[in-house]
């Protein structure tokens, strides 16, 4: 009959939809025939429907609790308690960052990745691994007449195992000692998942010879074990008639073909210029068919960069790029964590701000994505923990509460990580004179007791196990933005008043303190310029 909210197991225990789907999609020796493994495309529709049902239940909970769970400023909640007007405080909680895959979730993951970049500098390698439907592990379990697209559950599970094996080998020192990693998993509309991976390698010190030992952009010899996979998956083109082709300019938007060159060059561009030898220099060619069914000779100028070892090891499309410049950081990080593809685009004149509705209507759910979420595999992950450090004006910390626990919520919110940082600078001698963002390096946050405690493990300055990230503030929130600037640049603050004090002068606003420290330009220059124009220029 299928799952419902009253569904129970044989032991009379309540079964969630997630548990129900995981149980029925697995193959078991005692179950000789599982219809979900033989329905082909119909099974894809079923799993997508089940995931949308599961997600809808989460969205319903968020919608129904927006009126009872509120978030507001500490001082405002206190004022409304005094006049017994709690029902008028708080703003509705929209789609939160705690929902995996939501825009706010991806934005926070992006900011965490940039915190790792701030700590270790630019990433060294950018790897993209895409699932191969011809993997032997997939083909081995297919029934007669089935294709990999008919068994999205198998594709998902095999890809996850390949991903874990790749991360394991990298952590064991495949490219050198790993000091940081960020990765995210995405899903193509036609079903195949892929992973974007940023690697931070200790003392990478790239040279042309070192890049050539890791990355190749040439067609191998015909007797090479990776010749078939390279000529099948790594040749870009012929471009004419494909999505990458700009018919008006008659060029490939992916910049293929690249210039041929005898040696790898490390310039000032975002990526290196890899060695791509021509036929005269010993380069190989391969024959491809274009959209007009004509044979075209493809040389090394059309090869996507790859790793010889990883291609032979995983037998799939695995693009490897060297990040040669800091110019590539923001593009690579934001591209890696851009979130799900949108399936619908609309123009709404009513300026609807319901993020839950927008997320549900516009995002695309494939069968592999549904299986991935049901199996509870990670969408984003990083190596190096990042602690998010809040910033708030005096008495303006966020309070999460409902009408029944408002007094307890106020008591819990009185001490924050920021105010506890002030206390630690007074009481802990080992913590004095450090920046707020560096607090997680030497201390750990004790949530029950609301205090910073000295870290016992992983407090080496050369290799901090935990990285701090001060939450981003938009410049339109002038005072809060200036407070953040001061926390980034001032060490050992013991109170808000100490932050306002510059050269033994206590300023009235954080903006004035920023100007005194030279962190912010004064508007006086522009005011003088405008006054001068008013007095000296005519209307014409």
Protein backbone atom coordinates (compact mmCIF):
# COMPACT_ATOMS: atom_id res chain seq x y z
CA UNK A 1 0.00 0.00 0.00
CA UNK A 2 3.02 2.33 0.31
CA UNK A 3 4.18 4.57 3.12
CA UNK A 4 1.97 6.79 5.29
CA UNK A 5 2.47 8.68 8.54
CA UNK A 6 1.09 5.75 10.54
CA UNK A 7 3.33 3.14 8.88
CA UNK A 8 5.05 0.80 11.38
CA UNK A 9 7.59 -1.98 11.13
CA UNK A 10 7.01 -5.60 12.18
CA UNK A 11 8.37 -4.58 15.60
CA UNK A 12 5.60 -1.98 15.87
CA UNK A 13 8.06 0.90 15.58
CA UNK A 14 7.23 3.98 13.57
CA UNK A 15 9.01 4.08 10.20
CA UNK A 16 9.91 7.37 8.54
CA UNK A 17 9.65 7.87 4.79
CA UNK A 18 13.45 8.02 4.57
CA UNK A 19 13.80 4.65 6.32
CA UNK A 20 11.02 3.17 4.17
CA UNK A 21 12.68 4.18 0.89
CA UNK A 22 16.17 3.09 1.96
CA UNK A 23 14.82 -0.33 2.93
CA UNK A 24 12.84 -0.98 -0.25
CA UNK A 25 15.50 0.23 -2.70
CA UNK A 26 18.20 -2.12 -1.42
CA UNK A 27 18.82 -5.51 -3.01
CA UNK A 28 18.52 -8.50 -0.66
CA UNK A 29 19.26 -12.19 -1.16
CA UNK A 30 15.95 -13.24 0.44
CA UNK A 31 13.98 -10.96 -1.92
CA UNK A 32 14.21 -12.61 -5.33
CA UNK A 33 12.16 -9.98 -7.15
CA UNK A 34 12.12 -6.26 -6.32
CA UNK A 35 9.81 -4.38 -8.71
CA UNK A 36 11.69 -1.11 -8.13
CA UNK A 37 14.74 -2.67 -9.82
CA UNK A 38 12.77 -3.65 -12.94
CA UNK A 39 10.55 -0.63 -13.59
CA UNK A 40 13.33 1.30 -15.36
CA UNK A 41 12.15 4.88 -16.01
CA UNK A 42 9.06 4.39 -13.88
CA UNK A 43 11.30 3.74 -10.87
CA UNK A 44 12.97 7.11 -11.53
CA UNK A 45 9.59 8.80 -11.37
CA UNK A 46 8.78 6.95 -8.16
CA UNK A 47 11.98 7.96 -6.34
CA UNK A 48 11.60 11.60 -7.42
CA UNK A 49 8.00 11.63 -6.14
CA UNK A 50 9.08 10.09 -2.83
CA UNK A 51 11.84 12.65 -2.36
CA UNK A 52 9.53 15.56 -3.16
CA UNK A 53 7.08 14.12 -0.59
CA UNK A 54 9.89 13.89 1.97
CA UNK A 55 11.06 17.44 1.26
CA UNK A 56 7.50 18.76 1.33
CA UNK A 57 7.05 17.45 4.88
CA UNK A 58 10.12 19.40 5.94
CA UNK A 59 8.81 22.56 4.26
CA UNK A 60 5.43 22.15 5.95
CA UNK A 61 7.15 22.02 9.34
CA UNK A 62 9.09 25.21 8.56
CA UNK A 63 5.93 27.00 7.40
CA UNK A 64 3.85 25.93 10.38
CA UNK A 65 6.49 26.96 12.92
CA UNK A 66 7.16 30.42 11.57
CA UNK A 67 4.49 31.92 13.85
CA UNK A 68 5.68 30.15 17.00
CA UNK A 69 9.45 30.34 16.54
CA UNK A 70 10.74 33.87 16.12
CA UNK A 71 14.07 35.65 15.88
CA UNK A 72 14.64 39.23 16.98
CA UNK A 73 17.12 41.58 18.62
CA UNK A 74 17.85 41.08 22.33
CA UNK A 75 16.86 44.63 23.38
CA UNK A 76 13.63 44.60 21.38
CA UNK A 77 12.45 41.34 22.98
CA UNK A 78 13.29 42.78 26.40
CA UNK A 79 11.25 45.92 25.70
CA UNK A 80 8.22 43.92 24.56
CA UNK A 81 8.35 41.72 27.67
CA UNK A 82 7.99 44.83 29.80
CA UNK A 83 4.81 45.85 27.95
CA UNK A 84 3.60 42.23 27.54
CA UNK A 85 3.64 42.49 23.77
CA UNK A 86 5.55 39.35 22.79
CA UNK A 87 3.15 38.48 19.97
CA UNK A 88 4.22 41.61 18.08
CA UNK A 89 7.95 40.83 18.03
CA UNK A 90 9.93 38.70 15.67
CA UNK A 91 10.05 38.21 11.94
CA UNK A 92 9.05 35.02 10.12
CA UNK A 93 11.89 32.53 9.65
CA UNK A 94 12.20 31.87 5.91
CA UNK A 95 14.01 28.90 4.33
CA UNK A 96 16.97 28.53 6.72
CA UNK A 97 20.54 27.54 6.03
CA UNK A 98 19.95 24.36 8.05
CA UNK A 99 18.04 22.95 5.05
CA UNK A 100 20.69 21.19 2.94
CA UNK A 101 20.89 22.56 -0.59
CA UNK A 102 19.01 25.80 0.09
CA UNK A 103 20.50 29.08 -1.23
CA UNK A 104 21.40 30.18 2.29
CA UNK A 105 23.08 26.82 2.93
CA UNK A 106 25.21 27.12 -0.22
CA UNK A 107 26.09 30.75 0.60
CA UNK A 108 27.40 29.76 4.03
CA UNK A 109 29.38 26.88 2.52
CA UNK A 110 30.92 29.36 0.07
CA UNK A 111 31.89 31.72 2.90
CA UNK A 112 33.43 28.80 4.82
CA UNK A 113 35.47 27.89 1.75
CA UNK A 114 36.72 31.47 1.47
CA UNK A 115 37.79 31.29 5.14
CA UNK A 116 40.02 28.33 4.25
CA UNK A 117 41.39 30.36 1.33
CA UNK A 118 42.14 33.23 3.72
CA UNK A 119 44.08 30.85 5.98
CA UNK A 120 46.08 28.90 3.36
CA UNK A 121 46.06 31.14 0.29
CA UNK A 122 44.89 30.11 -3.17
CA UNK A 123 43.99 26.46 -3.85
CA UNK A 124 46.55 24.51 -5.85
CA UNK A 125 44.42 22.02 -7.81
CA UNK A 126 40.83 22.05 -9.07
CA UNK A 127 39.46 18.57 -9.85
CA UNK A 128 36.13 17.60 -11.40
CA UNK A 129 35.20 13.90 -11.40
CA UNK A 130 32.12 12.80 -13.37
CA UNK A 131 30.43 9.41 -13.04
CA UNK A 132 31.01 6.94 -15.86
CA UNK A 133 27.93 4.85 -16.76
CA UNK A 134 30.26 2.21 -18.22
CA UNK A 135 31.94 1.43 -14.91
CA UNK A 136 32.22 -2.34 -14.49
CA UNK A 137 30.68 -2.11 -11.00
CA UNK A 138 27.50 -0.71 -12.58
CA UNK A 139 27.27 -2.98 -15.60
CA UNK A 140 27.79 -6.06 -13.45
CA UNK A 141 24.43 -5.70 -11.67
CA UNK A 142 22.27 -4.64 -14.62
CA UNK A 143 19.51 -7.00 -15.73
CA UNK A 144 19.26 -8.01 -19.42
CA UNK A 145 17.97 -5.05 -21.43
CA UNK A 146 18.69 -2.48 -18.71
CA UNK A 147 20.87 0.61 -19.06
CA UNK A 148 22.67 2.52 -16.28
CA UNK A 149 19.92 5.17 -16.46
CA UNK A 150 17.42 2.50 -15.38
CA UNK A 151 19.35 1.86 -12.14
CA UNK A 152 20.05 5.31 -10.74
CA UNK A 153 20.41 3.78 -7.29
CA UNK A 154 23.42 1.74 -8.41
CA UNK A 155 24.98 4.74 -10.22
CA UNK A 156 24.60 6.81 -7.05
CA UNK A 157 26.11 4.23 -4.71
CA UNK A 158 29.04 3.39 -7.02
CA UNK A 159 29.83 7.07 -7.56
CA UNK A 160 29.85 7.67 -3.81
CA UNK A 161 32.35 4.83 -3.33
CA UNK A 162 34.56 6.23 -6.11
CA UNK A 163 34.38 9.67 -4.49
CA UNK A 164 35.41 8.30 -1.10
CA UNK A 165 38.32 6.39 -2.68
CA UNK A 166 39.50 9.55 -4.47
CA UNK A 167 39.39 11.60 -1.26
CA UNK A 168 41.20 8.83 0.62
CA UNK A 169 44.08 8.68 -1.86
CA UNK A 170 44.41 12.47 -1.92
CA UNK A 171 44.53 12.61 1.89
CA UNK A 172 47.21 9.89 1.89
CA UNK A 173 49.48 12.22 -0.11
CA UNK A 174 48.78 11.60 -3.78
CA UNK A 175 49.79 15.16 -4.72
CA UNK A 176 51.65 16.02 -1.51
CA UNK A 177 50.67 16.75 2.08
CA UNK A 178 47.04 17.90 2.13
CA UNK A 179 46.37 20.90 4.39
CA UNK A 180 42.88 21.84 3.17
CA UNK A 181 40.05 20.59 0.97
CA UNK A 182 36.61 21.77 -0.15
CA UNK A 183 34.24 19.74 -2.32
CA UNK A 184 30.64 19.77 -3.49
CA UNK A 185 28.54 17.24 -5.41
CA UNK A 186 26.26 18.29 -8.27
CA UNK A 187 23.83 16.44 -10.52
CA UNK A 188 23.39 16.86 -14.25
CA UNK A 189 19.87 17.08 -15.60
CA UNK A 190 20.45 13.83 -17.49
CA UNK A 191 21.34 11.97 -14.35
CA UNK A 192 25.11 11.68 -13.90
CA UNK A 193 26.55 13.14 -10.67
CA UNK A 194 29.91 14.88 -10.51
CA UNK A 195 32.14 16.32 -7.78
CA UNK A 196 34.04 19.62 -7.76
CA UNK A 197 37.11 19.44 -5.56
CA UNK A 198 39.52 22.17 -4.43
CA UNK A 199 42.84 21.05 -2.93
CA UNK A 200 45.31 23.00 -0.80
CA UNK A 201 48.72 21.30 -0.86
CA UNK A 202 51.55 22.20 1.52
CA UNK A 203 54.52 23.86 -0.23
CA UNK A 204 53.24 22.98 -3.69
CA UNK A 205 55.80 25.24 -5.44
CA UNK A 206 54.59 24.63 -8.98
CA UNK A 207 57.09 24.40 -11.82
CA UNK A 208 56.47 23.39 -15.46
CA UNK A 209 58.05 19.97 -14.84
CA UNK A 210 55.93 19.41 -11.71
CA UNK A 211 52.73 20.39 -13.54
CA UNK A 212 53.62 18.00 -16.40
CA UNK A 213 54.05 15.18 -13.88
CA UNK A 214 50.52 15.75 -12.55
CA UNK A 215 48.48 17.17 -15.45
CA UNK A 216 48.43 16.12 -19.09
CA UNK A 217 46.61 17.76 -22.02
CA UNK A 218 47.69 15.45 -24.82
CA UNK A 219 46.35 12.36 -26.59
CA UNK A 220 48.30 9.30 -25.34
CA UNK A 221 49.90 6.70 -27.56
CA UNK A 222 47.44 4.19 -29.10
CA UNK A 223 48.90 1.35 -27.01
CA UNK A 224 48.36 3.27 -23.75
CA UNK A 225 45.82 1.75 -21.29
CA UNK A 226 44.04 5.12 -21.08
CA UNK A 227 43.88 5.76 -24.85
CA UNK A 228 40.24 4.65 -25.18
CA UNK A 229 38.91 6.69 -22.25
CA UNK A 230 40.88 9.81 -23.28
CA UNK A 231 39.73 9.72 -26.90
CA UNK A 232 36.15 9.09 -25.77
CA UNK A 233 35.77 11.46 -22.81
CA UNK A 234 38.51 14.11 -23.06
CA UNK A 235 38.25 15.39 -26.63
CA UNK A 236 36.27 18.64 -26.79
CA UNK A 237 34.55 18.90 -30.13
CA UNK A 238 33.94 19.20 -32.93
CA UNK A 239 32.14 22.26 -31.50
CA UNK A 240 30.03 23.35 -34.48
CA UNK A 241 26.37 22.68 -33.79
CA UNK A 242 26.87 22.01 -30.07
CA UNK A 243 25.84 24.01 -26.99
CA UNK A 244 29.32 25.54 -26.60
CA UNK A 245 29.30 26.96 -30.14
CA UNK A 246 28.60 30.68 -30.64
CA UNK A 247 27.18 30.75 -34.15
CA UNK A 248 27.31 34.56 -34.41
CA UNK A 249 31.01 34.82 -33.53
CA UNK A 250 31.84 31.34 -34.87
CA UNK A 251 33.94 30.46 -31.82
CA UNK A 252 33.76 27.98 -28.96
CA UNK A 253 32.66 29.63 -25.71
CA UNK A 254 34.92 27.21 -23.81
CA UNK A 255 37.95 28.70 -25.67
CA UNK A 256 38.78 25.52 -27.57
CA UNK A 257 40.98 24.85 -29.46
CA UNK A 258 43.91 26.02 -27.33
CA UNK A 259 47.21 27.08 -28.92
CA UNK A 260 49.74 24.30 -29.43
CA UNK A 261 52.98 24.66 -27.44
CA UNK A 262 56.03 22.51 -26.78
CA UNK A 263 56.31 23.27 -23.07
CA UNK A 264 54.03 24.14 -20.16
CA UNK A 265 53.95 27.83 -19.28
CA UNK A 266 52.96 29.33 -15.92
CA UNK A 267 51.80 32.85 -16.62
CA UNK A 268 49.63 35.39 -14.81
CA UNK A 269 46.37 33.88 -16.01
CA UNK A 270 43.92 31.97 -13.83
CA UNK A 271 45.10 28.58 -15.12
CA UNK A 272 48.38 27.28 -16.52
CA UNK A 273 49.06 26.91 -20.25
CA UNK A 274 49.72 23.18 -20.52
CA UNK A 275 51.99 21.44 -22.98
CA UNK A 276 50.11 20.60 -26.18
CA UNK A 277 52.52 19.36 -28.82
CA UNK A 278 51.62 19.43 -32.46
CA UNK A 279 52.00 16.57 -34.92
CA UNK A 280 55.40 17.88 -36.00
CA UNK A 281 56.63 17.63 -32.41
CA UNK A 282 55.33 14.09 -31.82
CA UNK A 283 51.71 14.84 -30.84
CA UNK A 284 48.91 12.36 -31.62
CA UNK A 285 45.61 12.89 -33.44
CA UNK A 286 42.22 11.20 -33.41
CA UNK A 287 39.30 11.16 -35.86
CA UNK A 288 35.89 12.52 -34.75
CA UNK A 289 32.57 13.11 -36.53
CA UNK A 290 30.94 16.57 -36.54
CA UNK A 291 27.23 17.49 -36.65
CA UNK A 292 27.23 17.14 -40.44
CA UNK A 293 28.58 13.60 -40.14
CA UNK A 294 31.90 14.59 -41.62
CA UNK A 295 35.20 13.24 -40.29
CA UNK A 296 37.34 15.82 -38.50
CA UNK A 297 40.93 15.35 -37.32
CA UNK A 298 41.33 16.42 -33.67
CA UNK A 299 44.77 17.15 -32.19
CA UNK A 300 46.09 18.08 -28.74
CA UNK A 301 44.59 21.58 -28.93
CA UNK A 302 41.16 20.07 -28.15
CA UNK A 303 42.15 17.84 -25.19
CA UNK A 304 40.67 18.58 -21.76
CA UNK A 305 43.38 18.57 -19.06
CA UNK A 306 43.50 15.36 -17.00
CA UNK A 307 45.66 13.32 -14.66
CA UNK A 308 47.16 10.19 -16.21
CA UNK A 309 47.12 8.29 -12.90
CA UNK A 310 43.58 9.28 -11.89
CA UNK A 311 42.21 8.52 -15.36
CA UNK A 312 43.73 5.02 -15.28
CA UNK A 313 42.65 4.55 -11.66
CA UNK A 314 39.01 5.61 -11.98
CA UNK A 315 38.31 5.12 -15.71
CA UNK A 316 36.13 8.20 -16.10
CA UNK A 317 36.18 11.88 -17.04
CA UNK A 318 38.26 13.55 -14.32
CA UNK A 319 39.38 17.04 -15.24
CA UNK A 320 42.42 18.36 -13.30
CA UNK A 321 43.43 22.03 -13.43
CA UNK A 322 46.20 23.98 -11.74
CA UNK A 323 45.12 27.25 -10.12
CA UNK A 324 47.96 29.51 -11.16
CA UNK A 325 46.74 32.83 -9.81
CA UNK A 326 44.68 34.33 -7.00
CA UNK A 327 42.40 35.73 -9.73
CA UNK A 328 40.82 32.29 -10.04
CA UNK A 329 39.90 31.87 -6.35
CA UNK A 330 36.50 33.56 -6.22
CA UNK A 331 35.41 32.13 -9.58
CA UNK A 332 36.41 28.58 -8.66
CA UNK A 333 34.87 28.70 -5.16
CA UNK A 334 31.60 30.31 -6.26
CA UNK A 335 31.34 28.00 -9.30
CA UNK A 336 31.93 24.98 -7.09
CA UNK A 337 29.25 26.06 -4.56
CA UNK A 338 26.72 27.69 -6.88
CA UNK A 339 23.93 25.32 -5.78
CA UNK A 340 21.36 23.38 -7.76
CA UNK A 341 20.37 24.02 -11.36
CA UNK A 342 17.16 25.96 -11.79
CA UNK A 343 14.36 24.32 -13.78
CA UNK A 344 12.01 27.34 -13.94
CA UNK A 345 12.52 31.07 -14.28
CA UNK A 346 9.73 33.63 -13.86
CA UNK A 347 9.21 37.37 -13.42
CA UNK A 348 7.05 38.20 -10.40
CA UNK A 349 5.85 41.80 -10.21
CA UNK A 350 4.52 41.23 -6.66
CA UNK A 351 8.12 40.81 -5.40
CA UNK A 352 7.28 37.58 -3.58
CA UNK A 353 9.87 36.92 -0.85
CA UNK A 354 8.67 33.43 0.06
CA UNK A 355 11.96 31.57 -0.24
CA UNK A 356 10.35 28.18 0.41
CA UNK A 357 7.99 28.52 -2.55
CA UNK A 358 10.77 29.81 -4.80
CA UNK A 359 13.08 26.97 -3.85
CA UNK A 360 10.46 24.30 -4.50
CA UNK A 361 9.21 25.73 -7.78
CA UNK A 362 12.54 26.51 -9.40
CA UNK A 363 14.93 23.72 -8.40
CA UNK A 364 15.43 20.56 -10.49
CA UNK A 365 15.25 17.11 -8.88
CA UNK A 366 16.76 14.16 -10.75
CA UNK A 367 16.58 10.48 -9.79
CA UNK A 368 20.26 10.38 -8.79
CA UNK A 369 19.82 13.48 -6.63
CA UNK A 370 16.81 11.91 -4.91
CA UNK A 371 18.73 8.69 -4.20
CA UNK A 372 21.73 10.69 -2.99
CA UNK A 373 19.61 12.57 -0.44
CA UNK A 374 17.73 9.44 0.69
CA UNK A 375 21.03 7.62 1.26
CA UNK A 376 22.15 10.65 3.32
CA UNK A 377 25.38 11.22 1.41
CA UNK A 378 27.05 14.61 1.87
CA UNK A 379 26.44 17.40 -0.63
CA UNK A 380 29.27 19.65 0.59
CA UNK A 381 32.26 18.88 2.74
CA UNK A 382 35.61 20.36 3.71
CA UNK A 383 38.80 19.31 5.43
CA UNK A 384 39.49 21.85 8.19
CA UNK A 385 36.64 22.80 10.47
CA UNK A 386 35.33 26.37 10.22
CA UNK A 387 33.71 28.05 13.24
CA UNK A 388 31.28 30.87 12.41
CA UNK A 389 31.71 33.87 14.69
CA UNK A 390 28.73 36.23 15.02
CA UNK A 391 28.94 40.03 15.06
CA UNK A 392 26.33 42.21 16.74
CA UNK A 393 25.97 45.67 18.18
CA UNK A 394 25.56 46.06 21.97
CA UNK A 395 22.27 44.45 22.98
CA UNK A 396 21.44 43.49 19.39
CA UNK A 397 22.33 39.80 19.42
CA UNK A 398 19.76 37.48 17.86
CA UNK A 399 17.32 35.71 20.18
CA UNK A 400 15.50 32.57 18.99
CA UNK A 401 12.41 32.02 21.09
CA UNK A 402 8.72 31.21 21.30
CA UNK A 403 6.05 32.65 23.55
CA UNK A 404 6.51 29.93 26.16
CA UNK A 405 10.29 30.19 26.68
CA UNK A 406 11.01 33.87 26.09
CA UNK A 407 12.61 34.48 29.52
CA UNK A 408 14.85 31.42 29.21
CA UNK A 409 15.78 32.44 25.65
CA UNK A 410 16.80 35.90 26.83
CA UNK A 411 18.98 34.41 29.55
CA UNK A 412 20.66 32.04 27.08
CA UNK A 413 21.26 34.82 24.52
CA UNK A 414 22.80 37.29 26.97
CA UNK A 415 26.28 35.82 26.45
CA UNK A 416 27.45 35.31 22.86
CA UNK A 417 30.72 34.23 21.31
CA UNK A 418 31.60 37.91 20.86
CA UNK A 419 30.91 38.98 24.45
CA UNK A 420 32.64 35.82 25.72
CA UNK A 421 35.65 36.82 23.59
CA UNK A 422 35.80 40.09 25.56
CA UNK A 423 35.74 38.14 28.83
CA UNK A 424 38.43 35.70 27.64
CA UNK A 425 40.77 38.58 26.82
CA UNK A 426 40.53 39.61 30.48
CA UNK A 427 40.53 36.24 32.26
CA UNK A 428 42.73 34.02 30.04
CA UNK A 429 46.37 35.20 29.91
CA UNK A 430 47.19 32.95 26.92
CA UNK A 431 44.46 34.54 24.82
CA UNK A 432 45.40 38.20 25.16
CA UNK A 433 46.29 40.18 22.05
CA UNK A 434 44.73 37.93 19.41
CA UNK A 435 42.14 38.76 16.77
CA UNK A 436 38.53 37.66 17.14
CA UNK A 437 38.80 35.54 13.99
CA UNK A 438 41.78 33.65 15.48
CA UNK A 439 39.92 32.68 18.66
CA UNK A 440 39.05 29.11 17.46
CA UNK A 441 42.75 28.41 16.88
CA UNK A 442 43.62 28.51 20.57
CA UNK A 443 40.21 28.07 22.22
CA UNK A 444 37.12 25.90 21.89
CA UNK A 445 33.58 27.18 22.45
CA UNK A 446 31.84 25.58 25.44
CA UNK A 447 28.17 25.91 24.49
CA UNK A 448 26.58 24.71 27.79
CA UNK A 449 28.65 27.14 29.88
CA UNK A 450 28.76 29.92 27.27
CA UNK A 451 32.52 30.49 27.46
CA UNK A 452 35.77 30.03 25.55
CA UNK A 453 38.13 27.36 26.94
CA UNK A 454 41.76 26.86 26.03
CA UNK A 455 42.21 24.26 23.32
CA UNK A 456 44.11 21.11 24.27
CA UNK A 457 44.61 19.64 20.77
CA UNK A 458 45.26 21.27 17.41
CA UNK A 459 46.37 24.69 18.69
CA UNK A 460 49.63 24.91 16.74
CA UNK A 461 49.86 28.17 14.80
CA UNK A 462 51.56 26.37 11.91
CA UNK A 463 48.65 23.96 11.49
CA UNK A 464 45.40 25.21 13.06
CA UNK A 465 42.85 22.43 13.16
CA UNK A 466 39.98 24.93 13.37
CA UNK A 467 39.53 28.16 11.41
CA UNK A 468 37.41 31.09 12.56
CA UNK A 469 35.16 33.05 10.20
CA UNK A 470 33.46 36.30 11.17
CA UNK A 471 30.03 36.46 9.55
CA UNK A 472 29.77 38.78 6.56
CA UNK A 473 27.96 42.10 6.94
CA UNK A 474 26.55 44.23 4.11
CA UNK A 475 27.98 47.79 4.01
CA UNK A 476 24.43 49.19 4.10
CA UNK A 477 24.40 48.27 7.81
CA UNK A 478 26.96 50.96 8.51
CA UNK A 479 27.54 50.57 12.26
CA UNK A 480 27.56 46.77 12.15
CA UNK A 481 29.87 46.78 9.12
CA UNK A 482 32.28 49.14 10.89
CA UNK A 483 32.21 46.99 14.04
CA UNK A 484 33.23 44.01 11.92
CA UNK A 485 36.07 46.01 10.37
CA UNK A 486 37.32 46.91 13.85
CA UNK A 487 37.15 43.30 15.06
CA UNK A 488 39.17 42.20 12.04
CA UNK A 489 41.90 44.78 12.72
CA UNK A 490 41.93 45.27 16.51
CA UNK A 491 43.52 42.73 18.86
CA UNK A 492 42.59 41.93 22.44
CA UNK A 493 39.33 43.87 22.71
CA UNK A 494 37.80 43.61 26.20
CA UNK A 495 34.47 45.39 25.59
CA UNK A 496 32.55 47.39 23.03
CA UNK A 497 33.90 50.54 24.71
CA UNK A 498 37.50 49.38 24.21
CA UNK A 499 36.79 48.92 20.50
CA UNK A 500 35.42 52.47 20.32
CA UNK A 501 38.60 53.82 21.95
CA UNK A 502 41.35 54.90 19.54
CA UNK A 503 44.48 56.66 20.84
CA UNK A 504 42.85 57.05 24.27
CA UNK A 505 39.85 58.81 22.73
CA UNK A 506 36.47 57.05 22.96
CA UNK A 507 34.37 57.73 19.89
CA UNK A 508 30.59 57.76 19.86
CA UNK A 509 30.14 55.46 16.87
CA UNK A 510 32.00 52.53 15.35
CA UNK A 511 32.14 54.45 12.07
CA UNK A 512 34.05 57.27 13.76
CA UNK A 513 36.45 54.74 15.30
CA UNK A 514 37.03 53.21 11.85
CA UNK A 515 37.82 56.62 10.38
CA UNK A 516 40.23 57.37 13.24
CA UNK A 517 42.10 54.11 12.55
CA UNK A 518 42.19 54.80 8.82
CA UNK A 519 39.96 51.82 8.00
CA UNK A 520 37.28 53.98 6.42
CA UNK A 521 37.47 57.17 4.39
CA UNK A 522 35.58 60.19 5.64
CA UNK A 523 32.72 61.58 3.55
CA UNK A 524 33.95 65.12 4.20
CA UNK A 525 35.99 65.26 0.97
CA UNK A 526 32.89 64.52 -1.10
CA UNK A 527 30.78 66.99 0.89
CA UNK A 528 33.36 69.73 0.29
CA UNK A 529 33.39 68.90 -3.42
CA UNK A 530 29.61 69.12 -3.68
CA UNK A 531 29.51 72.41 -1.75
CA UNK A 532 32.14 73.82 -4.06
CA UNK A 533 30.04 72.85 -7.09
CA UNK A 534 26.93 74.46 -5.57
CA UNK A 535 28.70 77.77 -5.01
CA UNK A 536 30.74 77.96 -8.20
CA UNK A 537 28.84 76.18 -10.98
CA UNK A 538 25.83 77.50 -12.85
CA UNK A 539 22.74 75.48 -13.74
CA UNK A 540 23.83 75.28 -17.37
